């Protein structure tokens, strides 16, 4: 994503799309962030994802971070990588809102 000229506070959420073949109770991810000044942060993050028999629809959004400030103007890179393959997961993404 591209950061504005002035730092703003935002909300970061992880969205997961999955189907009925999903049987696990969680997804272990590595979240990598690369800032415009080349600073790199990689951290583990575990999502507790309910089974579809317990919940609808097949896309759920989970809070990752709130009150985050992207301090540097420019392009940020975010990468979410699963620690291992999880059956039934179609995609995982990041939503950033001001």
C-alpha atoms as a PDB file:
ATOM      1  CA  UNK A   1       0.000   0.000   0.000  1.00  0.00           C
ATOM      2  CA  UNK A   2       1.041   3.616  -0.388  1.00  0.00           C
ATOM      3  CA  UNK A   3       1.162   5.788   2.708  1.00  0.00           C
ATOM      4  CA  UNK A   4      -0.088   9.381   2.622  1.00  0.00           C
ATOM      5  CA  UNK A   5       2.138  12.409   3.104  1.00  0.00           C
ATOM      6  CA  UNK A   6       1.130  12.788   6.755  1.00  0.00           C
ATOM      7  CA  UNK A   7       1.113   9.859   9.178  1.00  0.00           C
ATOM      8  CA  UNK A   8      -2.403   8.596   9.883  1.00  0.00           C
ATOM      9  CA  UNK A   9      -3.718   6.101  12.392  1.00  0.00           C
ATOM     10  CA  UNK A  10      -5.329   3.042  10.867  1.00  0.00           C
ATOM     11  CA  UNK A  11      -6.892  -0.310  11.593  1.00  0.00           C
ATOM     12  CA  UNK A  12      -5.441  -3.522  10.147  1.00  0.00           C
ATOM     13  CA  UNK A  13      -7.629  -6.602   9.744  1.00  0.00           C
ATOM     14  CA  UNK A  14      -6.948 -10.042   8.302  1.00  0.00           C
ATOM     15  CA  UNK A  15      -9.649 -11.503   6.078  1.00  0.00           C
ATOM     16  CA  UNK A  16      -9.913 -15.280   5.528  1.00  0.00           C
ATOM     17  CA  UNK A  17     -11.937 -17.071   2.851  1.00  0.00           C
ATOM     18  CA  UNK A  18     -12.554 -20.738   3.513  1.00  0.00           C
ATOM     19  CA  UNK A  19     -14.933 -23.627   2.839  1.00  0.00           C
ATOM     20  CA  UNK A  20     -16.488 -26.611   4.616  1.00  0.00           C
ATOM     21  CA  UNK A  21     -13.329 -28.713   4.210  1.00  0.00           C
ATOM     22  CA  UNK A  22     -11.642 -26.473   6.813  1.00  0.00           C
ATOM     23  CA  UNK A  23     -11.277 -28.611   9.963  1.00  0.00           C
ATOM     24  CA  UNK A  24      -8.520 -26.884  11.961  1.00  0.00           C
ATOM     25  CA  UNK A  25      -9.243 -24.497  14.816  1.00  0.00           C
ATOM     26  CA  UNK A  26      -6.474 -22.025  14.003  1.00  0.00           C
ATOM     27  CA  UNK A  27      -4.077 -20.807  11.319  1.00  0.00           C
ATOM     28  CA  UNK A  28      -0.483 -19.957  12.233  1.00  0.00           C
ATOM     29  CA  UNK A  29       0.844 -17.129  10.041  1.00  0.00           C
ATOM     30  CA  UNK A  30       4.054 -15.153   9.638  1.00  0.00           C
ATOM     31  CA  UNK A  31       3.298 -11.486   8.974  1.00  0.00           C
ATOM     32  CA  UNK A  32       6.067  -9.571   7.203  1.00  0.00           C
ATOM     33  CA  UNK A  33       6.062  -5.774   6.914  1.00  0.00           C
ATOM     34  CA  UNK A  34       8.616  -3.821   4.877  1.00  0.00           C
ATOM     35  CA  UNK A  35       8.511  -0.026   5.334  1.00  0.00           C
ATOM     36  CA  UNK A  36       9.598   2.541   2.706  1.00  0.00           C
ATOM     37  CA  UNK A  37      12.854   3.127   4.641  1.00  0.00           C
ATOM     38  CA  UNK A  38      13.644  -0.638   4.272  1.00  0.00           C
ATOM     39  CA  UNK A  39      12.894  -1.456   7.920  1.00  0.00           C
ATOM     40  CA  UNK A  40      11.606  -5.025   8.158  1.00  0.00           C
ATOM     41  CA  UNK A  41       9.409  -6.595  10.825  1.00  0.00           C
ATOM     42  CA  UNK A  42       8.321 -10.227  10.733  1.00  0.00           C
ATOM     43  CA  UNK A  43       6.212 -11.719  13.503  1.00  0.00           C
ATOM     44  CA  UNK A  44       4.086 -14.787  14.171  1.00  0.00           C
ATOM     45  CA  UNK A  45       0.324 -14.399  14.415  1.00  0.00           C
ATOM     46  CA  UNK A  46      -2.289 -17.079  15.124  1.00  0.00           C
ATOM     47  CA  UNK A  47      -5.849 -16.727  13.850  1.00  0.00           C
ATOM     48  CA  UNK A  48      -8.572 -18.617  15.705  1.00  0.00           C
ATOM     49  CA  UNK A  49     -10.965 -19.359  12.855  1.00  0.00           C
ATOM     50  CA  UNK A  50     -14.379 -20.905  13.657  1.00  0.00           C
ATOM     51  CA  UNK A  51     -15.650 -23.799  11.575  1.00  0.00           C
ATOM     52  CA  UNK A  52     -18.347 -23.033   9.016  1.00  0.00           C
ATOM     53  CA  UNK A  53     -20.821 -25.311  10.761  1.00  0.00           C
ATOM     54  CA  UNK A  54     -20.573 -22.828  13.645  1.00  0.00           C
ATOM     55  CA  UNK A  55     -20.672 -19.639  11.618  1.00  0.00           C
ATOM     56  CA  UNK A  56     -21.651 -18.099   8.279  1.00  0.00           C
ATOM     57  CA  UNK A  57     -20.598 -16.713   5.765  1.00  0.00           C
ATOM     58  CA  UNK A  58     -17.440 -18.307   4.342  1.00  0.00           C
ATOM     59  CA  UNK A  59     -15.434 -15.083   4.710  1.00  0.00           C
ATOM     60  CA  UNK A  60     -14.448 -13.778   8.121  1.00  0.00           C
ATOM     61  CA  UNK A  61     -12.518 -10.672   9.187  1.00  0.00           C
ATOM     62  CA  UNK A  62     -10.303 -10.629  12.278  1.00  0.00           C
ATOM     63  CA  UNK A  63      -8.622  -7.714  14.023  1.00  0.00           C
ATOM     64  CA  UNK A  64      -4.851  -7.793  13.536  1.00  0.00           C
ATOM     65  CA  UNK A  65      -3.809  -4.367  14.866  1.00  0.00           C
ATOM     66  CA  UNK A  66      -5.575  -1.147  15.816  1.00  0.00           C
ATOM     67  CA  UNK A  67      -4.221   2.396  16.131  1.00  0.00           C
ATOM     68  CA  UNK A  68      -1.320   1.656  13.770  1.00  0.00           C
ATOM     69  CA  UNK A  69       0.608   4.629  12.411  1.00  0.00           C
ATOM     70  CA  UNK A  70       2.455   4.268   9.113  1.00  0.00           C
ATOM     71  CA  UNK A  71       5.068   6.918   9.809  1.00  0.00           C
ATOM     72  CA  UNK A  72       6.937   7.019   6.500  1.00  0.00           C
ATOM     73  CA  UNK A  73       5.634   8.336   3.205  1.00  0.00           C
ATOM     74  CA  UNK A  74       5.875   5.754   0.453  1.00  0.00           C
ATOM     75  CA  UNK A  75       5.040   2.164  -0.333  1.00  0.00           C
ATOM     76  CA  UNK A  76       4.693  -0.502   2.363  1.00  0.00           C
ATOM     77  CA  UNK A  77       4.849  -4.226   1.587  1.00  0.00           C
ATOM     78  CA  UNK A  78       2.844  -6.699   3.670  1.00  0.00           C
ATOM     79  CA  UNK A  79       3.096 -10.472   3.254  1.00  0.00           C
ATOM     80  CA  UNK A  80       1.077 -13.094   5.129  1.00  0.00           C
ATOM     81  CA  UNK A  81       2.539 -16.606   4.934  1.00  0.00           C
ATOM     82  CA  UNK A  82       1.017 -19.709   6.541  1.00  0.00           C
ATOM     83  CA  UNK A  83       3.352 -21.751   8.756  1.00  0.00           C
ATOM     84  CA  UNK A  84       1.905 -24.875   7.100  1.00  0.00           C
ATOM     85  CA  UNK A  85      -0.786 -25.745   4.576  1.00  0.00           C
ATOM     86  CA  UNK A  86      -4.312 -25.696   6.012  1.00  0.00           C
ATOM     87  CA  UNK A  87      -6.980 -27.581   4.098  1.00  0.00           C
ATOM     88  CA  UNK A  88     -10.051 -25.544   3.206  1.00  0.00           C
ATOM     89  CA  UNK A  89      -8.403 -22.110   3.202  1.00  0.00           C
ATOM     90  CA  UNK A  90      -8.929 -20.367  -0.138  1.00  0.00           C
ATOM     91  CA  UNK A  91      -7.173 -17.066   0.631  1.00  0.00           C
ATOM     92  CA  UNK A  92      -5.891 -14.781   3.370  1.00  0.00           C
ATOM     93  CA  UNK A  93      -5.508 -11.033   2.965  1.00  0.00           C
ATOM     94  CA  UNK A  94      -4.944  -7.774   4.796  1.00  0.00           C
ATOM     95  CA  UNK A  95      -7.393  -4.845   4.955  1.00  0.00           C
ATOM     96  CA  UNK A  96      -6.094  -1.449   6.063  1.00  0.00           C
ATOM     97  CA  UNK A  97      -8.595   1.285   6.930  1.00  0.00           C
ATOM     98  CA  UNK A  98      -8.098   4.813   8.264  1.00  0.00           C
END
